[in-house]
Amino acid sequence: MAKKDTINALIRRGLDEKTAKKLADEGLLLGDVKSASKKELEEILEEEKAKEVKEVVGKKPKKSKKKQKKKSEEKEETTRPDDFLPDKFDELEGTAKEIKDIADSNGYELPRSIITKTVEGFEEYEIPEEDYEDLLEMINDRYQNRKVDPKESVGIVGAQSIGEPGTQMTMRTFHHAGVAEIGVTQGLPRMIEVVDARKVPSTPSMEVHLEDELKDDRDKAKKIASELEITRLQDIADVEIDIAETNIVIKPDMKRLEDKNLELEEIVEKLSSSRGIEGEVTVSGKEIHITVEEGKFSLLHEAVENAKDMKIKGVKDIERGVIRRDGGEFVIYTEGSNLEEVLKMDGVDIKKTSTNSPFEIYNVLGIEAARNSVIREAKNTLDEQGLEVDIRHVMLVADIMTNEGDLKAIGRHGVSGKKTSVLARAAFEITSQHLLRAAIVGEEDKLSGVAENVIVGQPITQGTGDVDVKYTGLPSGMDTQKEEGE
């Protein structure tokens, strides 16, 4: 019973059933696996598998206070980021600078994005300089008219603006635009994934762009795609058992080896260093033989399964790569995602390559990049369904999810569950638990939000309901003037 519990516990922590069973067969319990060193695990598993087990289950050793103190002292001495980070924008020049100067002289507070688009429009339609001022006045008027009024309920407007067209979304799984082989979740399930800040999407995928000198070369794109996708032995060879000789016969497909840029020696090296295969590895012509000790038929079958599933090359989690020409360049669409490892590869354009997992982008590139990813994924999902939603509503959702420096879900485990108001939390989900917990600890509700004021029947703190009138008394001299007038 204990063995079965150990296997189930290891599977719940993310290990596959085969690895969990192998560890349990060695008599290890969950605590033993946690405390085992990488070297000890490598005696049972392959090196790569041992590393994975250590990452998923293993404990990180606690650092001593002395080391932590030393590290913090070193950290204080490092250079501040703002000492060497470049400016976000270049200085405005030419027409852009001229337009900015006109706007400043007239007191127009136009954002840089509008100035940039104005320059593009002026240059496209060859607007003469004498008309710049009149056109800028019109642009400023339109910009001011589209600003949100003070105290506007932007949250409710944004929620309604996304939620209402969201009812028209489909429940189907679509294919990548122009890539029938790669299926990606779209519609309502995808929108739920984005706002729930799921760590792993149901269909993770990447869009890998190549550097400028390679993006028009199909052969180079094919080579990078073959380096990306995981290649297992069973993908490039037939693996058979020779019972009479008690050995395993591997017959590589030379055409597939050539397509995958592989040599026979690389396969032999991988088989020889694999801990899951016990036996002598030899080459006979274009075949590879693994000889197992006579009489150990159980080892023979286990070795065959390990050999078939053995990874020869490729990036972890990327099962497939499909090349398509998109916008005049070759782009690799993948099934599976591993942004950190893909960005390290030669020939990959790190500025354009992206994944459909905002959480992965957050871990690799930071919170600002994650915010942009949430906006892009949500907007693309709506656009692909033919639903028009102003991007500012989507940006507001992304801002709420990321404003504390990490990626939070819109729900009771994220944004809604962390509201300061007890009544607002109770109004969302699990009402009784929130009220009981707040009563036990003596929590106080300031009634500063919308939901809590609606519950108690007070005017909401939006629009005119959020304007306070304060009486400070009449200015000095006013009382005397009033008496004289009477």
Protein backbone atom coordinates (compact mmCIF):
# COMPACT_ATOMS: atom_id res chain seq x y z
CA MET A 1 0.00 0.00 0.00
CA ALA A 2 2.85 2.36 0.87
CA LYS A 3 4.41 1.76 -2.54
CA LYS A 4 1.16 2.68 -4.31
CA ASP A 5 0.83 5.84 -2.17
CA THR A 6 4.39 6.84 -3.06
CA ILE A 7 3.70 6.39 -6.79
CA ASN A 8 0.50 8.48 -6.55
CA ALA A 9 2.27 11.19 -4.53
CA LEU A 10 5.09 11.44 -7.11
CA ILE A 11 2.60 11.58 -10.01
CA ARG A 12 0.68 14.40 -8.26
CA ARG A 13 3.91 16.39 -8.10
CA GLY A 14 4.36 16.19 -11.86
CA LEU A 15 6.35 12.99 -12.55
CA ASP A 16 5.22 10.51 -15.19
CA GLU A 17 3.92 7.11 -14.02
CA LYS A 18 6.91 5.18 -15.41
CA THR A 19 9.49 7.28 -13.50
CA ALA A 20 7.39 7.23 -10.31
CA LYS A 21 7.10 3.41 -10.48
CA LYS A 22 10.86 3.03 -11.03
CA LEU A 23 11.64 5.14 -7.95
CA ALA A 24 9.06 3.28 -5.83
CA ASP A 25 10.47 -0.08 -6.99
CA GLU A 26 13.81 0.96 -5.49
CA GLY A 27 12.05 1.25 -2.13
CA LEU A 28 12.15 5.06 -2.02
CA LEU A 29 9.44 7.08 -0.29
CA LEU A 30 8.47 10.65 -1.19
CA GLY A 31 10.73 12.05 1.55
CA ASP A 32 13.66 9.96 0.29
CA VAL A 33 13.21 11.31 -3.25
CA LYS A 34 13.02 14.88 -1.94
CA SER A 35 16.23 14.60 0.04
CA ALA A 36 18.16 12.48 -2.51
CA SER A 37 21.05 14.16 -4.29
CA LYS A 38 21.23 14.33 -8.09
CA LYS A 39 24.11 11.82 -8.04
CA GLU A 40 22.03 9.31 -6.05
CA LEU A 41 19.11 9.69 -8.45
CA GLU A 42 21.41 9.18 -11.46
CA GLU A 43 22.20 5.68 -10.12
CA ILE A 44 18.54 4.79 -10.72
CA LEU A 45 17.54 7.07 -13.63
CA GLU A 46 19.07 8.64 -16.70
CA GLU A 47 20.95 11.90 -16.11
CA GLU A 48 18.27 14.06 -17.76
CA LYS A 49 15.45 12.28 -15.92
CA ALA A 50 17.31 12.61 -12.59
CA LYS A 51 17.66 16.35 -13.18
CA GLU A 52 13.92 16.63 -13.93
CA VAL A 53 13.01 14.71 -10.74
CA LYS A 54 15.30 16.97 -8.69
CA GLU A 55 13.65 20.10 -10.15
CA VAL A 56 10.07 18.83 -9.69
CA VAL A 57 10.31 17.02 -6.32
CA GLY A 58 13.68 17.77 -4.72
CA LYS A 59 14.23 20.22 -1.87
CA LYS A 60 16.51 23.18 -2.25
CA PRO A 61 19.06 23.28 0.56
CA LYS A 62 18.56 26.12 3.02
CA LYS A 63 21.21 28.80 2.90
CA SER A 64 22.88 29.79 6.12
CA LYS A 65 22.21 33.24 7.53
CA LYS A 66 25.91 34.04 7.17
CA LYS A 67 25.79 33.33 3.43
CA GLN A 68 22.57 35.28 3.01
CA LYS A 69 24.08 38.26 4.80
CA LYS A 70 27.20 38.10 2.61
CA LYS A 71 25.02 37.90 -0.51
CA SER A 72 22.95 40.93 0.55
CA GLU A 73 26.16 42.92 1.16
CA GLU A 74 27.41 42.03 -2.31
CA LYS A 75 24.02 43.00 -3.76
CA GLU A 76 24.23 46.48 -2.25
CA GLU A 77 27.55 47.08 -4.00
CA THR A 78 26.22 46.27 -7.49
CA THR A 79 25.54 49.07 -9.97
CA ARG A 80 22.03 50.50 -10.06
CA PRO A 81 20.12 49.55 -13.25
CA ASP A 82 19.36 53.18 -14.12
CA ASP A 83 23.11 53.88 -14.29
CA PHE A 84 23.49 51.88 -17.48
CA LEU A 85 20.01 51.23 -18.98
CA PRO A 86 19.41 53.19 -22.22
CA ASP A 87 16.54 55.66 -22.60
CA LYS A 88 13.26 54.06 -23.63
CA PHE A 89 12.78 56.47 -26.55
CA ASP A 90 15.11 58.31 -28.89
CA GLU A 91 14.96 62.12 -29.06
CA LEU A 92 12.37 63.45 -31.53
CA GLU A 93 13.83 64.84 -34.73
CA GLY A 94 12.67 66.56 -37.93
CA THR A 95 8.90 66.78 -38.46
CA ALA A 96 8.17 65.00 -35.17
CA LYS A 97 10.13 67.62 -33.19
CA GLU A 98 8.42 70.45 -35.09
CA ILE A 99 4.95 69.02 -34.31
CA LYS A 100 5.90 68.48 -30.65
CA ASP A 101 7.06 72.12 -30.38
CA ILE A 102 3.77 73.40 -31.89
CA ALA A 103 1.79 71.20 -29.46
CA ASP A 104 3.81 72.43 -26.46
CA SER A 105 3.47 76.10 -27.45
CA ASN A 106 -0.33 75.72 -27.62
CA GLY A 107 -0.54 73.75 -24.38
CA TYR A 108 -1.60 70.48 -26.05
CA GLU A 109 -0.67 67.48 -23.91
CA LEU A 110 -0.49 64.86 -26.66
CA PRO A 111 1.17 61.47 -25.97
CA ARG A 112 4.14 60.41 -28.05
CA SER A 113 2.12 57.71 -29.86
CA ILE A 114 -0.28 60.34 -31.26
CA ILE A 115 2.59 62.58 -32.34
CA THR A 116 4.21 59.61 -34.14
CA LYS A 117 0.97 58.71 -35.95
CA THR A 118 0.41 62.38 -36.82
CA VAL A 119 3.85 62.54 -38.45
CA GLU A 120 3.09 59.40 -40.47
CA GLY A 121 -0.20 60.92 -41.67
CA PHE A 122 1.35 64.28 -42.54
CA GLU A 123 4.12 62.61 -44.54
CA GLU A 124 1.78 60.18 -46.31
CA TYR A 125 -0.61 62.91 -47.47
CA GLU A 126 2.17 65.54 -47.96
CA ILE A 127 0.53 68.12 -45.70
CA PRO A 128 2.15 71.58 -46.08
CA GLU A 129 3.76 73.09 -42.95
CA GLU A 130 1.38 76.06 -42.84
CA ASP A 131 -1.52 73.66 -42.12
CA TYR A 132 0.21 71.90 -39.22
CA GLU A 133 -1.18 74.20 -36.50
CA ASP A 134 -4.85 74.00 -37.64
CA LEU A 135 -4.71 70.22 -37.99
CA LEU A 136 -3.03 69.83 -34.59
CA GLU A 137 -5.87 71.84 -33.01
CA MET A 138 -8.41 69.41 -34.53
CA ILE A 139 -6.36 66.41 -33.38
CA ASN A 140 -6.10 67.81 -29.84
CA ASP A 141 -9.89 68.48 -29.70
CA ARG A 142 -10.65 64.89 -30.76
CA TYR A 143 -8.11 63.51 -28.28
CA GLN A 144 -9.60 65.54 -25.38
CA ASN A 145 -13.16 64.48 -26.33
CA ARG A 146 -12.16 60.82 -26.11
CA LYS A 147 -10.68 61.03 -22.63
CA VAL A 148 -12.52 59.25 -19.85
CA ASP A 149 -14.44 61.59 -17.55
CA PRO A 150 -13.17 61.95 -13.97
CA LYS A 151 -14.72 59.40 -11.58
CA GLU A 152 -15.97 57.27 -14.51
CA SER A 153 -16.60 53.59 -13.65
CA VAL A 154 -13.94 52.31 -16.05
CA GLY A 155 -13.90 48.85 -14.44
CA ILE A 156 -17.62 48.24 -15.02
CA VAL A 157 -17.45 49.71 -18.54
CA GLY A 158 -14.43 47.54 -19.36
CA ALA A 159 -16.02 44.38 -17.91
CA GLN A 160 -19.23 44.96 -19.86
CA SER A 161 -17.34 45.83 -23.06
CA ILE A 162 -15.42 42.52 -22.95
CA GLY A 163 -18.14 40.36 -21.35
CA GLU A 164 -20.99 41.25 -23.72
CA PRO A 165 -19.23 40.33 -27.00
CA GLY A 166 -17.62 37.44 -25.10
CA THR A 167 -21.03 35.71 -24.99
CA GLN A 168 -20.73 35.31 -28.78
CA MET A 169 -17.44 33.40 -28.55
CA THR A 170 -17.31 29.81 -29.70
CA MET A 171 -16.12 26.80 -27.71
CA ARG A 172 -14.07 25.26 -30.52
CA THR A 173 -10.33 24.66 -30.90
CA PHE A 174 -9.00 26.43 -33.97
CA HIS A 175 -5.87 25.99 -36.04
CA HIS A 176 -3.04 28.50 -36.27
CA ALA A 177 -3.66 31.00 -39.07
CA GLY A 178 -2.23 29.29 -42.15
CA VAL A 179 -0.92 26.31 -40.15
CA ALA A 180 -3.42 23.44 -40.23
CA GLU A 181 -1.03 21.01 -38.51
CA ILE A 182 -0.76 23.01 -35.24
CA GLY A 183 -3.98 23.15 -33.23
CA VAL A 184 -4.38 25.99 -30.71
CA THR A 185 -7.23 26.72 -28.30
CA GLN A 186 -9.28 29.77 -29.27
CA GLY A 187 -12.62 31.32 -28.42
CA LEU A 188 -14.02 31.30 -24.88
CA PRO A 189 -11.69 28.58 -23.47
CA ARG A 190 -8.65 30.59 -24.58
CA MET A 191 -10.04 33.83 -23.10
CA ILE A 192 -10.58 32.03 -19.77
CA GLU A 193 -6.96 30.76 -19.87
CA VAL A 194 -5.62 34.29 -20.39
CA VAL A 195 -7.59 36.02 -17.61
CA ASP A 196 -7.02 33.07 -15.25
CA ALA A 197 -3.23 33.49 -15.75
CA ARG A 198 -2.83 29.75 -16.32
CA LYS A 199 0.76 28.61 -15.84
CA VAL A 200 0.51 26.17 -18.75
CA PRO A 201 -2.00 26.75 -21.61
CA SER A 202 -3.97 23.73 -22.85
CA THR A 203 -2.22 24.01 -26.23
CA PRO A 204 1.16 25.75 -25.68
CA SER A 205 2.67 27.07 -28.89
CA MET A 206 5.50 29.32 -30.06
CA GLU A 207 6.08 31.56 -33.04
CA VAL A 208 9.81 31.39 -33.75
CA HIS A 209 11.21 34.10 -36.04
CA LEU A 210 14.66 33.89 -37.59
CA GLU A 211 17.42 36.50 -37.81
CA ASP A 212 17.41 38.78 -40.86
CA GLU A 213 20.13 36.88 -42.76
CA LEU A 214 18.27 33.54 -42.32
CA LYS A 215 14.58 34.45 -42.60
CA ASP A 216 14.46 33.94 -46.41
CA ASP A 217 16.43 30.67 -46.37
CA ARG A 218 14.12 27.65 -46.19
CA ASP A 219 16.99 25.18 -45.67
CA LYS A 220 18.27 27.15 -42.65
CA ALA A 221 14.72 27.36 -41.27
CA LYS A 222 14.36 23.59 -41.73
CA LYS A 223 17.65 23.00 -39.90
CA ILE A 224 16.61 25.19 -36.93
CA ALA A 225 13.18 23.47 -36.82
CA SER A 226 14.91 20.06 -36.63
CA GLU A 227 17.07 21.36 -33.75
CA LEU A 228 13.94 22.59 -31.98
CA GLU A 229 11.62 19.60 -32.03
CA ILE A 230 12.31 16.62 -29.79
CA THR A 231 13.63 13.62 -31.74
CA ARG A 232 13.29 10.24 -30.05
CA LEU A 233 14.95 7.03 -31.22
CA GLN A 234 11.64 5.56 -32.41
CA ASP A 235 11.24 8.59 -34.74
CA ILE A 236 14.39 7.77 -36.70
CA ALA A 237 14.86 4.01 -36.32
CA ASP A 238 13.11 0.64 -36.00
CA VAL A 239 13.78 -1.01 -32.63
CA GLU A 240 13.38 -4.81 -32.53
CA ILE A 241 14.14 -7.68 -30.11
CA ASP A 242 16.22 -10.68 -31.19
CA ILE A 243 15.15 -13.33 -28.65
CA ALA A 244 17.63 -15.95 -29.90
CA GLU A 245 20.64 -13.68 -29.38
CA THR A 246 19.08 -11.87 -26.36
CA ASN A 247 19.85 -8.49 -27.85
CA ILE A 248 18.14 -5.40 -29.23
CA VAL A 249 18.55 -4.55 -32.92
CA ILE A 250 18.23 -0.88 -33.92
CA LYS A 251 17.88 -0.16 -37.66
CA PRO A 252 18.23 3.60 -38.29
CA ASP A 253 16.48 5.17 -41.28
CA MET A 254 19.34 6.95 -43.08
CA LYS A 255 16.99 9.38 -44.85
CA ARG A 256 15.50 10.49 -41.52
CA LEU A 257 18.98 10.78 -40.01
CA GLU A 258 19.96 13.10 -42.84
CA ASP A 259 16.79 15.17 -42.43
CA LYS A 260 17.47 15.51 -38.71
CA ASN A 261 21.17 16.33 -39.18
CA LEU A 262 22.22 13.29 -37.16
CA GLU A 263 25.11 10.83 -37.38
CA LEU A 264 25.07 7.14 -36.40
CA GLU A 265 27.84 7.84 -33.86
CA GLU A 266 25.60 10.31 -32.00
CA ILE A 267 22.96 7.61 -31.47
CA VAL A 268 25.59 5.12 -30.27
CA GLU A 269 26.97 7.71 -27.83
CA LYS A 270 23.49 8.43 -26.43
CA LEU A 271 22.71 4.72 -26.01
CA SER A 272 26.06 4.05 -24.33
CA SER A 273 25.60 6.86 -21.80
CA SER A 274 21.93 6.03 -21.07
CA ARG A 275 21.37 4.67 -17.55
CA GLY A 276 18.05 3.10 -18.51
CA ILE A 277 19.74 0.68 -20.92
CA GLU A 278 21.91 -2.04 -19.41
CA GLY A 279 24.03 -3.85 -21.99
CA GLU A 280 26.91 -3.60 -24.43
CA VAL A 281 26.32 -1.29 -27.43
CA THR A 282 28.00 -2.31 -30.70
CA VAL A 283 27.73 -1.26 -34.37
CA SER A 284 27.36 -3.83 -37.14
CA GLY A 285 27.25 -2.18 -40.57
CA LYS A 286 24.30 0.22 -40.47
CA GLU A 287 22.72 -1.50 -37.47
CA ILE A 288 23.22 -0.97 -33.74
CA HIS A 289 23.09 -3.95 -31.37
CA ILE A 290 22.56 -3.84 -27.61
CA THR A 291 23.51 -7.15 -25.97
CA VAL A 292 21.87 -7.93 -22.63
CA GLU A 293 23.11 -10.57 -20.18
CA GLU A 294 21.81 -14.03 -21.05
CA GLY A 295 18.62 -15.02 -19.25
CA LYS A 296 17.57 -11.47 -18.28
CA PHE A 297 14.51 -11.22 -20.58
CA SER A 298 12.73 -8.75 -18.27
CA LEU A 299 15.67 -6.36 -18.69
CA LEU A 300 15.45 -6.85 -22.46
CA HIS A 301 11.85 -5.65 -22.68
CA GLU A 302 12.50 -2.74 -20.30
CA ALA A 303 15.58 -1.72 -22.32
CA VAL A 304 13.54 -1.74 -25.56
CA GLU A 305 10.95 0.64 -24.09
CA ASN A 306 13.68 2.91 -22.70
CA ALA A 307 15.52 2.88 -26.04
CA LYS A 308 12.41 3.76 -28.06
CA ASP A 309 11.55 6.70 -25.77
CA MET A 310 15.13 7.97 -25.50
CA LYS A 311 15.62 11.62 -26.53
CA ILE A 312 18.34 12.02 -29.15
CA LYS A 313 18.10 15.81 -29.68
CA GLY A 314 15.75 18.77 -29.43
CA VAL A 315 14.41 21.33 -26.93
CA LYS A 316 12.41 20.07 -23.95
CA ASP A 317 8.60 20.31 -24.35
CA ILE A 318 8.73 21.16 -28.09
CA GLU A 319 7.12 18.18 -29.80
CA ARG A 320 6.86 19.53 -33.33
CA GLY A 321 7.88 22.45 -35.53
CA VAL A 322 6.11 23.50 -38.75
CA ILE A 323 7.63 26.01 -41.20
CA ARG A 324 5.37 28.49 -42.96
CA ARG A 325 6.04 31.60 -45.03
CA ASP A 326 4.44 34.55 -43.28
CA GLY A 327 4.78 38.18 -44.40
CA GLY A 328 7.71 37.47 -46.71
CA GLU A 329 9.75 35.43 -44.22
CA PHE A 330 9.90 31.85 -42.96
CA VAL A 331 8.42 31.40 -39.48
CA ILE A 332 8.51 28.22 -37.36
CA TYR A 333 5.28 27.44 -35.48
CA THR A 334 5.76 24.91 -32.68
CA GLU A 335 3.60 22.49 -30.75
CA GLY A 336 4.83 22.98 -27.20
CA SER A 337 6.71 25.89 -25.66
CA ASN A 338 10.08 26.54 -24.00
CA LEU A 339 10.86 30.23 -24.47
CA GLU A 340 13.99 30.32 -22.31
CA GLU A 341 15.80 27.55 -24.22
CA VAL A 342 14.63 28.67 -27.69
CA LEU A 343 15.95 32.21 -27.14
CA LYS A 344 19.42 30.73 -26.49
CA MET A 345 19.54 29.07 -29.92
CA ASP A 346 21.69 30.45 -32.76
CA GLY A 347 19.76 32.02 -35.64
CA VAL A 348 16.61 32.83 -33.60
CA ASP A 349 15.41 36.46 -33.59
CA ILE A 350 15.00 37.11 -29.85
CA LYS A 351 13.05 40.34 -30.44
CA LYS A 352 10.24 38.77 -32.49
CA THR A 353 10.03 35.22 -31.11
CA SER A 354 7.11 34.75 -28.73
CA THR A 355 4.96 32.17 -26.96
CA ASN A 356 1.23 32.05 -26.24
CA SER A 357 1.92 31.59 -22.52
CA PRO A 358 1.94 34.96 -20.64
CA PHE A 359 3.17 33.18 -17.49
CA GLU A 360 6.22 31.81 -19.30
CA ILE A 361 6.96 35.28 -20.69
CA TYR A 362 6.69 36.66 -17.13
CA ASN A 363 9.26 34.13 -15.87
CA VAL A 364 11.71 34.77 -18.72
CA LEU A 365 11.27 38.44 -19.69
CA GLY A 366 9.54 40.09 -16.75
CA ILE A 367 6.25 41.73 -15.82
CA GLU A 368 6.11 44.42 -18.54
CA ALA A 369 6.52 41.80 -21.25
CA ALA A 370 3.86 39.65 -19.52
CA ARG A 371 1.45 42.60 -19.52
CA ASN A 372 1.94 43.08 -23.28
CA SER A 373 1.46 39.34 -23.77
CA VAL A 374 -1.89 39.37 -21.91
CA ILE A 375 -3.06 42.30 -24.07
CA ARG A 376 -1.93 40.63 -27.29
CA GLU A 377 -3.41 37.20 -26.50
CA ALA A 378 -6.76 38.59 -25.32
CA LYS A 379 -7.07 41.00 -28.28
CA ASN A 380 -6.08 38.32 -30.82
CA THR A 381 -8.66 35.93 -29.32
CA LEU A 382 -11.41 38.54 -29.67
CA ASP A 383 -10.31 39.60 -33.17
CA GLU A 384 -10.21 36.01 -34.45
CA GLN A 385 -13.87 35.68 -33.42
CA GLY A 386 -14.74 38.87 -35.30
CA LEU A 387 -15.50 40.77 -32.08
CA GLU A 388 -14.55 44.44 -31.94
CA VAL A 389 -13.45 45.59 -28.49
CA ASP A 390 -11.52 48.81 -27.81
CA ILE A 391 -8.00 47.82 -26.81
CA ARG A 392 -8.15 50.19 -23.78
CA HIS A 393 -10.59 47.82 -22.03
CA VAL A 394 -8.21 44.91 -22.57
CA MET A 395 -5.27 47.06 -21.39
CA LEU A 396 -7.15 47.84 -18.18
CA VAL A 397 -7.60 44.11 -17.46
CA ALA A 398 -3.88 43.53 -18.11
CA ASP A 399 -2.96 46.44 -15.80
CA ILE A 400 -5.09 45.04 -12.96
CA MET A 401 -3.51 41.59 -13.42
CA THR A 402 0.07 42.92 -13.33
CA ASN A 403 0.04 46.13 -11.25
CA GLU A 404 1.64 44.49 -8.18
CA GLY A 405 4.66 43.19 -10.07
CA ASP A 406 3.48 39.61 -10.59
CA LEU A 407 0.88 37.96 -12.81
CA LYS A 408 -2.44 37.45 -10.98
CA ALA A 409 -5.64 35.77 -12.14
CA ILE A 410 -8.98 37.58 -12.30
CA GLY A 411 -10.77 35.45 -9.71
CA ARG A 412 -10.96 34.54 -6.05
CA HIS A 413 -7.41 33.16 -6.12
CA GLY A 414 -6.09 36.42 -7.60
CA VAL A 415 -7.41 39.97 -7.95
CA SER A 416 -10.94 39.44 -6.54
CA GLY A 417 -9.68 37.44 -3.57
CA LYS A 418 -7.24 40.18 -2.54
CA LYS A 419 -9.71 43.08 -2.35
CA THR A 420 -9.48 45.03 0.89
CA SER A 421 -13.27 45.09 1.30
CA VAL A 422 -14.83 42.10 3.11
CA LEU A 423 -18.23 42.65 1.48
CA ALA A 424 -16.71 42.90 -2.01
CA ARG A 425 -14.90 39.57 -1.51
CA ALA A 426 -18.05 37.98 -0.09
CA ALA A 427 -20.13 39.24 -3.03
CA PHE A 428 -17.87 37.41 -5.50
CA GLU A 429 -17.58 33.80 -4.25
CA ILE A 430 -17.63 31.64 -1.06
CA THR A 431 -19.66 34.27 0.83
CA SER A 432 -19.93 32.57 4.22
CA GLN A 433 -16.20 31.80 4.48
CA HIS A 434 -15.21 35.40 3.82
CA LEU A 435 -17.70 36.78 6.34
CA LEU A 436 -16.76 34.26 9.04
CA ARG A 437 -13.05 34.81 8.62
CA ALA A 438 -13.49 38.61 8.72
CA ALA A 439 -15.66 38.36 11.87
CA ILE A 440 -13.11 36.13 13.63
CA VAL A 441 -10.20 38.53 13.06
CA GLY A 442 -12.31 41.69 13.54
CA GLU A 443 -11.73 43.05 10.04
CA GLU A 444 -13.10 46.52 9.26
CA ASP A 445 -14.68 47.53 5.93
CA LYS A 446 -14.18 51.19 4.90
CA LEU A 447 -16.95 50.94 2.24
CA SER A 448 -14.74 52.62 -0.32
CA GLY A 449 -15.68 50.55 -3.40
CA VAL A 450 -18.77 50.01 -5.55
CA ALA A 451 -20.01 46.54 -4.52
CA GLU A 452 -19.89 47.14 -0.78
CA ASN A 453 -21.86 50.42 -1.05
CA VAL A 454 -24.53 48.77 -3.21
CA ILE A 455 -24.88 46.02 -0.57
CA VAL A 456 -25.51 48.51 2.27
CA GLY A 457 -27.68 50.83 0.15
CA GLN A 458 -25.34 53.83 0.02
CA PRO A 459 -24.46 55.94 -3.05
CA ILE A 460 -21.56 54.30 -4.86
CA THR A 461 -18.13 55.95 -4.88
CA GLN A 462 -18.25 56.74 -8.63
CA GLY A 463 -19.20 59.83 -10.59
CA THR A 464 -20.98 62.40 -8.40
CA GLY A 465 -21.13 59.82 -5.60
CA ASP A 466 -17.39 60.22 -5.10
CA VAL A 467 -17.45 64.01 -4.74
CA ASP A 468 -17.25 65.39 -1.19
CA VAL A 469 -18.42 68.94 -0.38
CA LYS A 470 -16.56 70.51 2.51
CA TYR A 471 -17.84 73.67 4.29
CA THR A 472 -14.97 75.83 5.53
CA GLY A 473 -17.01 78.90 6.63
CA LEU A 474 -17.32 82.27 4.87
CA PRO A 475 -14.13 84.16 4.02
CA SER A 476 -13.23 86.96 6.44
CA GLY A 477 -15.23 90.11 5.75
CA MET A 478 -18.17 88.36 4.09
CA ASP A 479 -20.28 88.31 7.29
CA THR A 480 -19.85 92.13 7.75
CA GLN A 481 -20.82 92.83 4.12
CA LYS A 482 -23.91 90.64 4.52
CA GLU A 483 -25.04 92.53 7.66
CA GLU A 484 -24.52 95.91 5.99
CA GLY A 485 -26.55 94.78 2.97
CA GLU A 486 -29.44 93.77 5.20
